Amino acid sequence: MRQRNYLTPTLRDVPADAEIKSHQLMLRSGLIRQTASGIYSYLPLGKKVLRKVEEIIRSEMDEAGGQEVLMPAIQPAELWEESGRLGDYGPELMRLKDRHDRDFVLGATHEEVITTLVRDDVKSYKKLPMNLYQIQTKYRDERRPRFGVLRSREFIMKDAYSFDTSQEGLDKSYQDMYSAYQNIFSRCELDFRAVEADSGAIGGTDTHEFMVLSEIGEDTIAYSDQSDFAANIEIAPVHAKYEKASADPLELEKVDTPNTKTIADLTSFLQVNSNETIKSLLFIVNEEPVLVLVRGDHEVNEVKVGNVLGKAVVELATPEQTARILGCETGYIGPIDVPNSVKIIADHAVEFVTNGVCGANEKDKHYKNVNPGRDFAVAGYEDLRLIQEGDPSPDGKGTIQFAKGIEVGHVFKLGTKYSEALGATFLDENGKTQSLIMGCYGIGVSRTVAAIVEQHHDENGIVWPASVAPFDLHLVTINVKDEGQRNLGEELYQTLKQERYDVLFDDRPERAGVKFKDSDLLGLPIRIGVGKKAAEGIVELKIRKTGEMIEVHISDLLDTLKKLSK
């Protein structure tokens, strides 16, 4: 492709609204352009990278037995009503009406559509197992789109769905997809980890996220420093052991604590340790108040709270709700003498607090010498806190460390969640009707591209891995006004194309400095510079990843390129 006519609008300056390197470089190198908040157009270079990633995904999905389909982006809302997700999914689900006032949604995911598709056309165990996948644009009305295509409102996704006749079959399908994902992200040359995760609005059990390690990641990975254990911090179980203090319980005492709304304020004012305090947070769970207690040096894990309460919708109470239910300001909440309508659940660590401190449900007041069981009752003690660095690893090997990650893939065991709701059944070998057993497997294709850029760049631009680079080679005629350079450049362009190389040919009438800066910014694996030694038949190769420069005679060029590609 001749760069003179190619849509590659490079930028010298970093866009003001681009916070992270991948967003900056994708804009500067002309891969993408913003159309609206969280909505991007992919320019030719960006589209070629997307295609390369898609080709890797397709080859591994096909190898694992997947069959590619294409489902509609617009879905009837009644399908989501039938599955029970129309209300559960939340405001991120984009909704619309047609001219006949019928309700539709823009697909954020396709469990409902694929389940009804298979329900209507697969009736017998003889057609199973089956794995269907698509690569398609998805929509999610993000409250705060950010980081370019890493968190956008329109994105490209590969979603796959397996259908089996037994739990053992699902286990195999899940493992096949797990292995395929490992191959996909390895071929994209990403540094990643598969971590245990929460299924969220998709539902199901035994889920794993594939996380690309990056300091700008919005997810925190908890991993063992001595084993393979890794989990999203949202679901990592806490297996810490607590001991009760040997001190005798003291008499409960209400004390003045002016302007002490935080644990830090409270510990400083009363000269106590944070692990001697009880933090109380009021949540509204399915429209009912629930008071959640954790030790003051711990943080409430809302995902665990929701799971303990049956995958409930959990929302922190507003100041107005807190005042109405408990009669106090946020910051002075406590579990003593709360209304009977308020359910109290607590983290395991709270049970071992002796003579602790908690809010008194009164402005500028706290209780001292608080002892669970004596001073307040708890409906149940559960694992409700976020795991912390230094906690023992749940598998009993080593201690927990944290790392940041970008989620690029997620695999779920759905079971019969959707097949039962939508009536997707098959006849087994005994002629008995059974519900299909499903799995769901997603990859953020556009997000994967951004993650690659985030891990593969330097101060000069992108450094594409060869497997996903938009072109194999960047052929640069340094001075197109020089007839010798121009002619050799044209000759090499034709030769390289005949050898099946995908070549970006910089034949622009630009200064050498501009061309070299653009070449580094675009980040193709090898640059071939046709310059002052063109008359001698010598060109200069630059290896983008290492910066190594090699002078090569054109008679040896093809052999050299073959060696470099090994």
Protein backbone atom coordinates (compact mmCIF):
# COMPACT_ATOMS: atom_id res chain seq x y z
CA MET A 1 0.00 0.00 0.00
CA ARG A 2 1.36 3.41 -1.01
CA GLN A 3 1.46 5.73 1.98
CA ARG A 4 1.06 8.80 -0.24
CA ASN A 5 -2.63 7.93 -0.69
CA TYR A 6 -3.15 5.99 2.54
CA LEU A 7 -5.31 7.45 5.30
CA THR A 8 -2.69 7.63 8.08
CA PRO A 9 -3.22 11.02 9.75
CA THR A 10 -0.41 10.98 12.31
CA LEU A 11 -0.27 13.53 15.13
CA ARG A 12 2.87 15.07 16.62
CA ASP A 13 1.26 16.23 19.88
CA VAL A 14 -0.42 14.09 22.51
CA PRO A 15 -4.20 14.69 22.51
CA ALA A 16 -5.24 16.50 25.68
CA ASP A 17 -8.05 14.09 26.54
CA ALA A 18 -5.96 10.92 26.12
CA GLU A 19 -4.86 9.77 29.59
CA ILE A 20 -3.05 6.49 28.85
CA LYS A 21 -0.41 5.41 26.36
CA SER A 22 -2.60 3.12 24.25
CA HIS A 23 -5.22 5.85 23.75
CA GLN A 24 -2.54 8.44 22.95
CA LEU A 25 -0.68 6.21 20.50
CA MET A 26 -3.79 4.87 18.76
CA LEU A 27 -4.84 8.47 18.10
CA ARG A 28 -1.36 9.72 17.20
CA SER A 29 -0.65 6.84 14.80
CA GLY A 30 -3.99 7.25 13.04
CA LEU A 31 -5.54 3.94 14.09
CA ILE A 32 -8.72 5.51 15.46
CA ARG A 33 -10.66 8.77 15.58
CA GLN A 34 -13.38 9.66 18.08
CA THR A 35 -16.87 10.15 16.64
CA ALA A 36 -18.62 10.74 19.98
CA SER A 37 -17.88 10.02 23.62
CA GLY A 38 -16.93 6.35 23.82
CA ILE A 39 -17.55 5.82 20.10
CA TYR A 40 -14.67 5.47 17.62
CA SER A 41 -14.04 5.04 13.92
CA TYR A 42 -11.25 2.66 12.93
CA LEU A 43 -9.06 4.03 10.15
CA PRO A 44 -7.25 1.68 7.71
CA LEU A 45 -4.30 0.86 9.99
CA GLY A 46 -6.60 0.21 12.94
CA LYS A 47 -8.89 -1.95 10.85
CA LYS A 48 -5.94 -4.06 9.65
CA VAL A 49 -4.82 -4.70 13.23
CA LEU A 50 -8.37 -5.64 14.21
CA ARG A 51 -8.45 -8.07 11.28
CA LYS A 52 -5.15 -9.64 12.37
CA VAL A 53 -6.46 -10.20 15.89
CA GLU A 54 -9.73 -11.56 14.50
CA GLU A 55 -7.80 -13.99 12.27
CA ILE A 56 -5.95 -15.34 15.30
CA ILE A 57 -9.22 -15.70 17.20
CA ARG A 58 -10.96 -17.42 14.28
CA SER A 59 -8.14 -19.90 13.73
CA GLU A 60 -8.06 -20.93 17.39
CA MET A 61 -11.87 -21.02 17.70
CA ASP A 62 -12.16 -23.15 14.57
CA GLU A 63 -9.40 -25.45 15.80
CA ALA A 64 -11.36 -25.90 19.04
CA GLY A 65 -14.48 -26.88 17.09
CA GLY A 66 -16.28 -23.55 17.00
CA GLN A 67 -18.69 -22.64 14.19
CA GLU A 68 -18.95 -18.98 13.20
CA VAL A 69 -22.35 -17.32 12.97
CA LEU A 70 -23.55 -13.72 12.86
CA MET A 71 -26.48 -12.60 14.99
CA PRO A 72 -28.39 -9.31 14.88
CA ALA A 73 -27.20 -6.35 16.92
CA ILE A 74 -30.83 -5.28 17.50
CA GLN A 75 -32.70 -7.70 19.76
CA PRO A 76 -36.39 -7.81 20.78
CA ALA A 77 -36.75 -6.67 24.39
CA GLU A 78 -39.18 -9.50 25.10
CA LEU A 79 -36.30 -12.00 24.82
CA TRP A 80 -34.59 -10.22 27.70
CA GLU A 81 -37.86 -10.13 29.61
CA GLU A 82 -38.21 -13.88 29.08
CA SER A 83 -34.73 -14.53 30.49
CA GLY A 84 -35.32 -12.12 33.38
CA ARG A 85 -32.42 -9.85 32.50
CA LEU A 86 -34.20 -6.78 31.12
CA GLY A 87 -34.43 -5.19 34.56
CA ASP A 88 -31.34 -6.81 36.04
CA TYR A 89 -28.80 -5.64 33.47
CA GLY A 90 -29.14 -2.01 34.48
CA PRO A 91 -28.79 1.34 32.70
CA GLU A 92 -25.82 0.12 30.62
CA LEU A 93 -28.29 -1.71 28.37
CA MET A 94 -29.14 0.54 25.40
CA ARG A 95 -32.86 0.50 24.61
CA LEU A 96 -34.90 1.79 21.68
CA LYS A 97 -38.34 1.60 20.08
CA ASP A 98 -39.22 1.03 16.44
CA ARG A 99 -41.87 2.96 14.50
CA HIS A 100 -44.53 0.58 15.81
CA ASP A 101 -43.56 1.38 19.42
CA ARG A 102 -42.09 -2.08 19.97
CA ASP A 103 -39.23 -2.32 22.46
CA PHE A 104 -35.76 -3.41 21.36
CA VAL A 105 -32.27 -3.40 22.86
CA LEU A 106 -28.84 -3.01 21.29
CA GLY A 107 -26.94 -6.18 22.05
CA ALA A 108 -24.47 -5.94 24.92
CA THR A 109 -24.30 -9.72 24.73
CA HIS A 110 -26.22 -12.47 22.94
CA GLU A 111 -27.18 -15.24 25.38
CA GLU A 112 -30.91 -14.79 24.68
CA VAL A 113 -30.58 -14.75 20.90
CA ILE A 114 -28.26 -17.74 20.65
CA THR A 115 -30.34 -19.79 23.09
CA THR A 116 -33.54 -19.27 21.12
CA LEU A 117 -31.69 -19.94 17.87
CA VAL A 118 -30.46 -23.33 19.10
CA ARG A 119 -33.77 -24.02 20.85
CA ASP A 120 -35.65 -23.77 17.56
CA ASP A 121 -33.23 -25.82 15.45
CA VAL A 122 -31.46 -28.37 17.66
CA LYS A 123 -33.78 -31.03 19.08
CA SER A 124 -31.65 -34.15 19.60
CA TYR A 125 -28.57 -35.17 21.58
CA LYS A 126 -27.16 -36.45 18.28
CA LYS A 127 -26.38 -32.86 17.20
CA LEU A 128 -24.55 -32.08 20.44
CA PRO A 129 -22.11 -30.87 21.66
CA MET A 130 -22.07 -27.63 19.68
CA ASN A 131 -20.09 -24.39 19.96
CA LEU A 132 -21.23 -21.30 18.06
CA TYR A 133 -19.36 -18.00 17.97
CA GLN A 134 -19.47 -14.60 16.32
CA ILE A 135 -17.34 -11.48 16.03
CA GLN A 136 -19.60 -8.47 16.17
CA THR A 137 -20.11 -4.95 17.46
CA LYS A 138 -21.59 -4.69 20.94
CA TYR A 139 -23.12 -1.76 22.80
CA ARG A 140 -22.99 -0.69 26.42
CA ASP A 141 -24.05 2.72 27.71
CA GLU A 142 -21.04 3.30 29.94
CA ARG A 143 -21.58 5.97 32.57
CA ARG A 144 -18.04 7.24 32.06
CA PRO A 145 -16.32 6.10 28.86
CA ARG A 146 -12.56 6.48 29.21
CA PHE A 147 -9.18 5.21 28.09
CA GLY A 148 -10.14 5.17 24.40
CA VAL A 149 -11.39 1.77 23.24
CA LEU A 150 -10.57 0.13 26.58
CA ARG A 151 -13.85 1.43 28.03
CA SER A 152 -16.14 2.51 25.23
CA ARG A 153 -19.86 2.48 24.47
CA GLU A 154 -19.46 0.63 21.18
CA PHE A 155 -16.90 -2.16 20.95
CA ILE A 156 -16.00 -5.25 18.95
CA MET A 157 -16.33 -8.57 20.72
CA LYS A 158 -16.00 -12.27 20.03
CA ASP A 159 -18.68 -14.15 21.91
CA ALA A 160 -19.06 -17.93 21.85
CA TYR A 161 -21.67 -20.25 23.35
CA SER A 162 -21.34 -23.97 23.97
CA PHE A 163 -24.25 -26.41 24.25
CA ASP A 164 -23.79 -29.79 25.92
CA THR A 165 -25.86 -32.70 27.20
CA SER A 166 -24.05 -33.15 30.52
CA GLN A 167 -21.96 -31.37 33.13
CA GLU A 168 -18.98 -33.45 32.00
CA GLY A 169 -19.52 -32.21 28.46
CA LEU A 170 -19.63 -28.61 29.69
CA ASP A 171 -16.42 -29.15 31.63
CA LYS A 172 -14.70 -30.29 28.43
CA SER A 173 -16.10 -27.40 26.37
CA TYR A 174 -14.97 -24.97 29.06
CA GLN A 175 -11.46 -26.41 29.11
CA ASP A 176 -11.29 -26.33 25.30
CA MET A 177 -12.16 -22.63 25.34
CA TYR A 178 -9.79 -21.94 28.23
CA SER A 179 -6.95 -23.52 26.23
CA ALA A 180 -7.97 -21.67 23.05
CA TYR A 181 -7.87 -18.37 24.94
CA GLN A 182 -4.41 -19.12 26.25
CA ASN A 183 -3.30 -19.75 22.66
CA ILE A 184 -4.98 -16.59 21.36
CA PHE A 185 -3.41 -14.23 23.88
CA SER A 186 -0.04 -15.95 23.61
CA ARG A 187 -0.09 -15.50 19.83
CA CYS A 188 -0.88 -11.82 20.39
CA GLU A 189 2.30 -11.75 22.54
CA LEU A 190 0.47 -10.50 25.61
CA ASP A 191 1.67 -10.93 29.18
CA PHE A 192 -1.53 -12.21 30.80
CA ARG A 193 -2.94 -14.34 33.59
CA ALA A 194 -6.17 -16.31 33.86
CA VAL A 195 -7.83 -15.45 37.18
CA GLU A 196 -10.91 -16.64 39.04
CA ALA A 197 -13.72 -14.13 38.66
CA ASP A 198 -17.31 -13.15 39.40
CA SER A 199 -19.90 -13.81 36.70
CA GLY A 200 -21.75 -10.52 37.20
CA ALA A 201 -24.86 -9.90 35.08
CA ILE A 202 -24.08 -12.85 32.79
CA GLY A 203 -24.65 -15.39 35.56
CA GLY A 204 -23.25 -18.87 35.98
CA THR A 205 -20.36 -20.39 37.94
CA ASP A 206 -16.70 -21.40 37.60
CA THR A 207 -15.67 -18.31 35.66
CA HIS A 208 -12.21 -17.05 34.73
CA GLU A 209 -11.08 -13.68 33.43
CA PHE A 210 -8.05 -13.34 31.20
CA MET A 211 -6.13 -10.32 32.44
CA VAL A 212 -3.38 -8.48 30.60
CA LEU A 213 -0.96 -7.20 33.22
CA SER A 214 -0.79 -3.41 33.14
CA GLU A 215 -0.47 -0.62 35.67
CA ILE A 216 -3.39 1.21 34.05
CA GLY A 217 -5.70 -1.78 34.44
CA GLU A 218 -8.99 -1.08 36.19
CA ASP A 219 -9.08 -4.55 37.77
CA THR A 220 -6.90 -5.73 40.65
CA ILE A 221 -5.54 -9.27 40.58
CA ALA A 222 -4.82 -11.02 43.85
CA TYR A 223 -2.18 -13.69 43.35
CA SER A 224 -0.02 -15.93 45.48
CA ASP A 225 3.71 -15.28 45.64
CA GLN A 226 4.34 -19.05 45.92
CA SER A 227 1.71 -20.77 43.73
CA ASP A 228 -0.47 -20.42 40.62
CA PHE A 229 -3.44 -19.03 42.56
CA ALA A 230 -4.85 -15.88 40.96
CA ALA A 231 -8.27 -14.27 41.30
CA ASN A 232 -9.98 -10.97 40.73
CA ILE A 233 -9.92 -9.07 44.01
CA GLU A 234 -13.73 -8.93 43.80
CA ILE A 235 -14.09 -12.65 44.50
CA ALA A 236 -10.82 -13.76 46.08
CA PRO A 237 -11.80 -15.63 49.28
CA VAL A 238 -10.25 -14.66 52.59
CA HIS A 239 -8.90 -17.55 54.66
CA ALA A 240 -7.29 -15.50 57.42
CA LYS A 241 -7.31 -16.80 60.98
CA TYR A 242 -8.38 -14.46 63.79
CA GLU A 243 -7.89 -14.67 67.53
CA LYS A 244 -9.99 -13.19 70.31
CA ALA A 245 -8.16 -10.78 72.61
CA SER A 246 -7.64 -12.09 76.13
CA ALA A 247 -8.99 -8.93 77.78
CA ASP A 248 -12.23 -9.10 79.75
CA PRO A 249 -15.25 -7.30 78.23
CA LEU A 250 -15.64 -3.77 79.61
CA GLU A 251 -18.81 -1.77 80.16
CA LEU A 252 -20.28 -0.21 77.02
CA GLU A 253 -19.67 3.54 76.92
CA LYS A 254 -20.95 6.26 74.58
CA VAL A 255 -18.33 8.97 73.98
CA ASP A 256 -18.16 12.29 72.17
CA THR A 257 -16.24 12.10 68.88
CA PRO A 258 -16.68 15.43 67.10
CA ASN A 259 -15.90 15.51 63.36
CA THR A 260 -14.73 11.89 63.21
CA LYS A 261 -16.53 10.55 60.14
CA THR A 262 -13.71 8.29 58.95
CA ILE A 263 -11.78 5.44 60.52
CA ALA A 264 -8.60 7.52 60.25
CA ASP A 265 -10.25 10.41 62.12
CA LEU A 266 -11.62 8.05 64.77
CA THR A 267 -8.38 6.19 65.46
CA SER A 268 -6.49 9.47 65.74
CA PHE A 269 -9.05 11.02 68.10
CA LEU A 270 -9.44 8.00 70.41
CA GLN A 271 -5.85 6.78 70.06
CA VAL A 272 -6.89 3.26 69.08
CA ASN A 273 -5.81 0.94 66.27
CA SER A 274 -8.03 0.54 63.21
CA ASN A 275 -8.32 -3.21 63.85
CA GLU A 276 -10.05 -2.35 67.15
CA THR A 277 -12.86 -0.55 65.35
CA ILE A 278 -15.95 -1.77 63.52
CA LYS A 279 -16.86 -0.15 60.21
CA SER A 280 -20.60 -0.13 59.47
CA LEU A 281 -22.03 0.47 55.99
CA LEU A 282 -25.74 0.64 55.19
CA PHE A 283 -26.76 -0.92 51.88
CA ILE A 284 -30.09 -1.17 50.13
CA VAL A 285 -30.44 -4.74 48.90
CA ASN A 286 -33.50 -5.47 46.76
CA GLU A 287 -35.11 -2.39 48.37
CA GLU A 288 -34.44 -3.66 51.93
CA PRO A 289 -31.86 -2.15 54.34
CA VAL A 290 -28.87 -4.32 55.24
CA LEU A 291 -26.12 -3.21 57.61
CA VAL A 292 -22.74 -4.72 56.71
CA LEU A 293 -19.96 -4.79 59.30
CA VAL A 294 -16.24 -5.20 58.74
CA ARG A 295 -13.24 -4.48 60.90
CA GLY A 296 -11.96 -0.93 60.58
CA ASP A 297 -8.77 -1.95 58.79
CA HIS A 298 -10.75 -3.88 56.16
CA GLU A 299 -12.95 -2.87 53.19
CA VAL A 300 -16.41 -4.20 52.36
CA ASN A 301 -16.54 -6.33 49.19
CA GLU A 302 -19.90 -5.53 47.56
CA VAL A 303 -19.66 -8.50 45.18
CA LYS A 304 -19.37 -10.87 48.13
CA VAL A 305 -22.26 -9.12 49.86
CA GLY A 306 -24.41 -9.59 46.77
CA ASN A 307 -23.41 -13.25 46.47
CA VAL A 308 -24.15 -13.96 50.15
CA LEU A 309 -27.58 -12.41 49.69
CA GLY A 310 -28.41 -14.49 46.60
CA LYS A 311 -26.92 -12.48 43.69
CA ALA A 312 -28.90 -9.49 44.93
CA VAL A 313 -28.62 -5.94 43.60
CA VAL A 314 -26.52 -4.11 46.21
CA GLU A 315 -26.42 -0.31 46.42
CA LEU A 316 -24.85 1.87 49.10
CA ALA A 317 -27.54 3.84 50.91
CA THR A 318 -27.71 7.55 50.15
CA PRO A 319 -27.31 10.11 52.97
CA GLU A 320 -31.08 10.69 52.77
CA GLN A 321 -31.84 6.96 53.11
CA THR A 322 -29.37 6.68 55.99
CA ALA A 323 -31.03 9.55 57.85
CA ARG A 324 -34.50 8.07 57.31
CA ILE A 325 -33.60 4.51 58.32
CA LEU A 326 -31.02 5.05 61.08
CA GLY A 327 -31.61 8.68 62.01
CA CYS A 328 -27.99 9.72 61.62
CA GLU A 329 -25.34 10.96 59.24
CA THR A 330 -23.10 8.67 57.23
CA GLY A 331 -19.90 8.30 59.25
CA TYR A 332 -21.56 7.62 62.59
CA ILE A 333 -23.42 4.43 61.67
CA GLY A 334 -23.28 1.50 64.07
CA PRO A 335 -25.01 -1.82 64.78
CA ILE A 336 -26.32 -1.09 68.30
CA ASP A 337 -30.07 -0.51 68.76
CA VAL A 338 -30.85 -0.37 65.05
CA PRO A 339 -34.47 -0.88 63.91
CA ASN A 340 -35.63 -4.48 63.61
CA SER A 341 -36.22 -3.91 59.89
CA VAL A 342 -32.45 -3.62 59.34
CA LYS A 343 -30.69 -6.95 58.78
CA ILE A 344 -27.12 -7.10 60.12
CA ILE A 345 -24.43 -9.29 58.59
CA ALA A 346 -20.75 -9.16 59.46
CA ASP A 347 -17.38 -10.29 58.24
CA HIS A 348 -15.71 -13.11 60.18
CA ALA A 349 -13.10 -10.74 61.63
CA VAL A 350 -15.79 -8.72 63.44
CA GLU A 351 -16.71 -11.70 65.61
CA PHE A 352 -13.25 -11.57 67.22
CA VAL A 353 -13.30 -7.85 68.14
CA THR A 354 -13.04 -7.29 71.89
CA ASN A 355 -13.84 -3.92 73.49
CA GLY A 356 -14.02 -2.29 70.10
CA VAL A 357 -15.32 1.02 68.81
CA CYS A 358 -18.32 1.60 66.54
CA GLY A 359 -20.70 4.35 65.50
CA ALA A 360 -23.59 5.26 67.82
CA ASN A 361 -26.09 6.28 65.10
CA GLU A 362 -25.83 9.79 66.45
CA LYS A 363 -23.83 12.72 65.10
CA ASP A 364 -20.42 13.13 66.78
CA LYS A 365 -20.97 10.03 68.95
CA HIS A 366 -19.36 6.59 69.08
CA TYR A 367 -19.48 3.62 71.40
CA LYS A 368 -16.41 2.25 73.17
CA ASN A 369 -15.99 -1.24 74.61
CA VAL A 370 -18.25 -2.81 72.01
CA ASN A 371 -18.46 -6.61 72.02
CA PRO A 372 -20.37 -8.48 69.29
CA GLY A 373 -23.00 -10.83 70.68
CA ARG A 374 -23.32 -8.91 73.92
CA ASP A 375 -24.07 -5.47 72.49
CA PHE A 376 -25.67 -6.36 69.16
CA ALA A 377 -26.86 -9.43 67.29
CA VAL A 378 -25.69 -10.51 63.84
CA ALA A 379 -27.79 -12.53 61.39
CA GLY A 380 -24.67 -14.26 60.14
CA TYR A 381 -20.90 -14.08 59.89
CA GLU A 382 -19.59 -14.41 56.33
CA ASP A 383 -16.54 -13.64 54.18
CA LEU A 384 -17.52 -10.07 53.28
CA ARG A 385 -14.24 -8.19 52.95
CA LEU A 386 -11.74 -7.53 50.20
CA ILE A 387 -8.63 -9.64 50.41
CA GLN A 388 -5.48 -7.65 51.24
CA GLU A 389 -1.83 -7.88 50.34
CA GLY A 390 -0.10 -10.02 52.94
CA ASP A 391 -3.18 -12.18 53.63
CA PRO A 392 -2.55 -15.92 53.36
CA SER A 393 -3.23 -17.30 49.90
CA PRO A 394 -6.57 -19.18 49.80
CA ASP A 395 -4.81 -22.30 48.48
CA GLY A 396 -2.59 -22.36 51.56
CA LYS A 397 0.60 -21.59 49.63
CA GLY A 398 2.33 -18.27 50.20
CA THR A 399 0.83 -14.84 50.73
CA ILE A 400 -1.26 -12.54 48.56
CA GLN A 401 0.27 -9.88 46.32
CA PHE A 402 -1.58 -7.45 44.03
CA ALA A 403 -1.18 -6.58 40.36
CA LYS A 404 -3.28 -4.45 37.99
CA GLY A 405 -4.85 -5.98 34.91
CA ILE A 406 -6.94 -5.21 31.82
CA GLU A 407 -9.70 -7.76 31.27
CA VAL A 408 -9.58 -8.98 27.65
CA GLY A 409 -11.45 -12.28 27.95
CA HIS A 410 -13.97 -14.02 30.18
CA VAL A 411 -15.23 -17.62 30.22
CA PHE A 412 -18.36 -18.78 32.10
CA LYS A 413 -20.14 -22.00 32.89
CA LEU A 414 -23.78 -20.95 32.49
CA GLY A 415 -25.37 -24.31 33.17
CA THR A 416 -29.13 -24.19 32.51
CA LYS A 417 -29.70 -20.53 33.53
CA TYR A 418 -30.79 -19.47 30.03
CA SER A 419 -31.97 -22.78 28.59
CA GLU A 420 -34.52 -23.25 31.38
CA ALA A 421 -35.71 -19.64 31.21
CA LEU A 422 -36.11 -19.80 27.42
CA GLY A 423 -37.25 -23.41 27.09
CA ALA A 424 -34.22 -24.71 25.18
CA THR A 425 -34.39 -28.49 25.46
CA PHE A 426 -33.27 -31.64 23.64
CA LEU A 427 -34.24 -35.27 23.63
CA ASP A 428 -31.61 -37.51 25.22
CA GLU A 429 -30.76 -41.07 24.13
CA ASN A 430 -33.73 -42.35 26.17
CA GLY A 431 -36.15 -39.96 24.51
CA LYS A 432 -36.41 -37.82 27.64
CA THR A 433 -36.56 -34.03 27.47
CA GLN A 434 -33.56 -32.31 29.05
CA SER A 435 -32.42 -28.67 29.30
CA LEU A 436 -29.35 -27.74 27.29
CA ILE A 437 -26.25 -27.13 29.40
CA MET A 438 -24.46 -23.97 28.30
CA GLY A 439 -21.17 -22.13 28.50
CA CYS A 440 -20.33 -18.58 27.41
CA TYR A 441 -16.95 -17.28 26.27
CA GLY A 442 -16.10 -13.67 25.38
CA ILE A 443 -13.09 -11.76 24.07
CA GLY A 444 -12.95 -7.99 23.71
CA VAL A 445 -11.35 -7.70 20.27
CA SER A 446 -10.96 -3.92 20.22
CA ARG A 447 -9.88 -3.98 23.86
CA THR A 448 -7.24 -6.61 23.01
CA VAL A 449 -5.79 -4.25 20.38
CA ALA A 450 -5.50 -1.48 22.98
CA ALA A 451 -3.96 -3.91 25.48
CA ILE A 452 -1.33 -4.91 22.90
CA VAL A 453 -0.40 -1.26 22.39
CA GLU A 454 -0.33 -0.73 26.16
CA GLN A 455 2.26 -3.50 26.56
CA HIS A 456 4.17 -2.98 23.29
CA HIS A 457 5.40 0.60 22.94
CA ASP A 458 8.36 2.79 23.70
CA GLU A 459 9.00 6.53 23.86
CA ASN A 460 8.85 6.80 20.07
CA GLY A 461 5.62 4.92 19.35
CA ILE A 462 4.02 1.52 18.99
CA VAL A 463 6.16 -1.63 18.68
CA TRP A 464 3.83 -4.14 17.02
CA PRO A 465 4.36 -7.87 17.51
CA ALA A 466 4.71 -9.42 14.05
CA SER A 467 1.57 -11.53 14.55
CA VAL A 468 -0.72 -8.49 14.71
CA ALA A 469 1.24 -5.77 12.88
CA PRO A 470 -0.88 -4.00 10.25
CA PHE A 471 1.92 -4.48 7.68
CA ASP A 472 4.93 -6.78 7.63
CA LEU A 473 7.35 -4.16 6.35
CA HIS A 474 7.70 -0.40 6.12
CA LEU A 475 9.53 0.47 2.92
CA VAL A 476 10.71 4.09 3.00
CA THR A 477 12.14 6.01 0.07
CA ILE A 478 13.99 8.68 1.98
CA ASN A 479 14.22 11.24 -0.84
CA VAL A 480 11.67 10.75 -3.62
CA LYS A 481 13.26 13.58 -5.61
CA ASP A 482 16.36 11.44 -6.06
CA GLU A 483 15.75 9.32 -9.18
CA GLY A 484 17.98 6.46 -8.00
CA GLN A 485 16.24 6.18 -4.66
CA ARG A 486 12.82 6.52 -6.26
CA ASN A 487 13.48 3.81 -8.84
CA LEU A 488 14.97 1.36 -6.33
CA GLY A 489 12.09 1.97 -3.97
CA GLU A 490 9.58 1.15 -6.73
CA GLU A 491 11.52 -1.95 -7.73
CA LEU A 492 11.69 -3.27 -4.16
CA TYR A 493 7.99 -2.53 -3.60
CA GLN A 494 7.01 -4.75 -6.52
CA THR A 495 9.48 -7.49 -5.56
CA LEU A 496 8.35 -7.63 -1.93
CA LYS A 497 4.70 -7.76 -2.93
CA GLN A 498 5.44 -10.66 -5.28
CA GLU A 499 7.08 -12.45 -2.34
CA ARG A 500 3.78 -12.12 -0.48
CA TYR A 501 4.94 -9.47 1.97
CA ASP A 502 2.35 -6.93 3.10
CA VAL A 503 4.21 -3.66 2.58
CA LEU A 504 3.47 -0.07 3.52
CA PHE A 505 5.46 1.96 0.99
CA ASP A 506 6.31 5.49 2.11
CA ASP A 507 6.57 7.31 -1.21
CA ARG A 508 5.52 10.68 0.24
CA PRO A 509 7.41 13.85 -0.67
CA GLU A 510 8.24 14.49 3.00
CA ARG A 511 11.50 15.23 4.78
CA ALA A 512 13.53 12.25 6.06
CA GLY A 513 12.99 13.26 9.69
CA VAL A 514 9.21 13.25 9.25
CA LYS A 515 9.29 9.84 7.62
CA PHE A 516 11.48 8.29 10.29
CA LYS A 517 9.36 9.70 13.13
CA ASP A 518 6.19 8.43 11.48
CA SER A 519 7.80 5.04 10.93
CA ASP A 520 8.73 4.72 14.60
CA LEU A 521 5.26 5.93 15.61
CA LEU A 522 3.49 3.37 13.39
CA GLY A 523 5.77 0.66 14.77
CA LEU A 524 5.94 -1.91 11.94
CA PRO A 525 8.39 -4.73 12.73
CA ILE A 526 11.01 -3.90 10.05
CA ARG A 527 11.78 -0.68 8.22
CA ILE A 528 13.67 -0.80 4.91
CA GLY A 529 15.23 2.55 4.18
CA VAL A 530 16.18 3.36 0.58
CA GLY A 531 18.64 6.21 0.90
CA LYS A 532 22.01 7.55 -0.19
CA LYS A 533 23.50 4.13 -0.96
CA ALA A 534 20.70 3.24 -3.39
CA ALA A 535 23.14 3.59 -6.30
CA GLU A 536 25.28 0.84 -4.70
CA GLY A 537 22.23 -1.39 -4.24
CA ILE A 538 22.42 -1.09 -0.45
CA VAL A 539 19.46 -0.46 1.82
CA GLU A 540 19.25 0.00 5.58
CA LEU A 541 17.06 -2.23 7.76
CA LYS A 542 15.85 -1.15 11.18
CA ILE A 543 14.45 -3.72 13.61
CA ARG A 544 11.74 -1.74 15.41
CA LYS A 545 11.76 -3.85 18.59
CA THR A 546 15.49 -3.60 19.25
CA GLY A 547 16.47 -0.51 17.26
CA GLU A 548 19.21 -2.53 15.52
CA MET A 549 20.32 -1.12 12.13
CA ILE A 550 21.59 -3.44 9.36
CA GLU A 551 22.96 -2.51 5.95
CA VAL A 552 21.99 -5.12 3.34
CA HIS A 553 22.65 -5.44 -0.37
CA ILE A 554 19.41 -5.89 -2.28
CA SER A 555 20.67 -9.25 -3.57
CA ASP A 556 20.64 -10.51 0.04
CA LEU A 557 17.49 -8.70 1.15
CA LEU A 558 15.00 -11.56 0.83
CA ASP A 559 17.26 -14.04 2.63
CA THR A 560 17.85 -11.52 5.41
CA LEU A 561 14.12 -10.89 5.83
CA LYS A 562 13.46 -14.63 6.06
CA LYS A 563 16.08 -14.99 8.79
CA LEU A 564 14.68 -12.05 10.73
CA SER A 565 11.16 -13.47 10.59
CA LYS A 566 12.18 -16.76 12.26
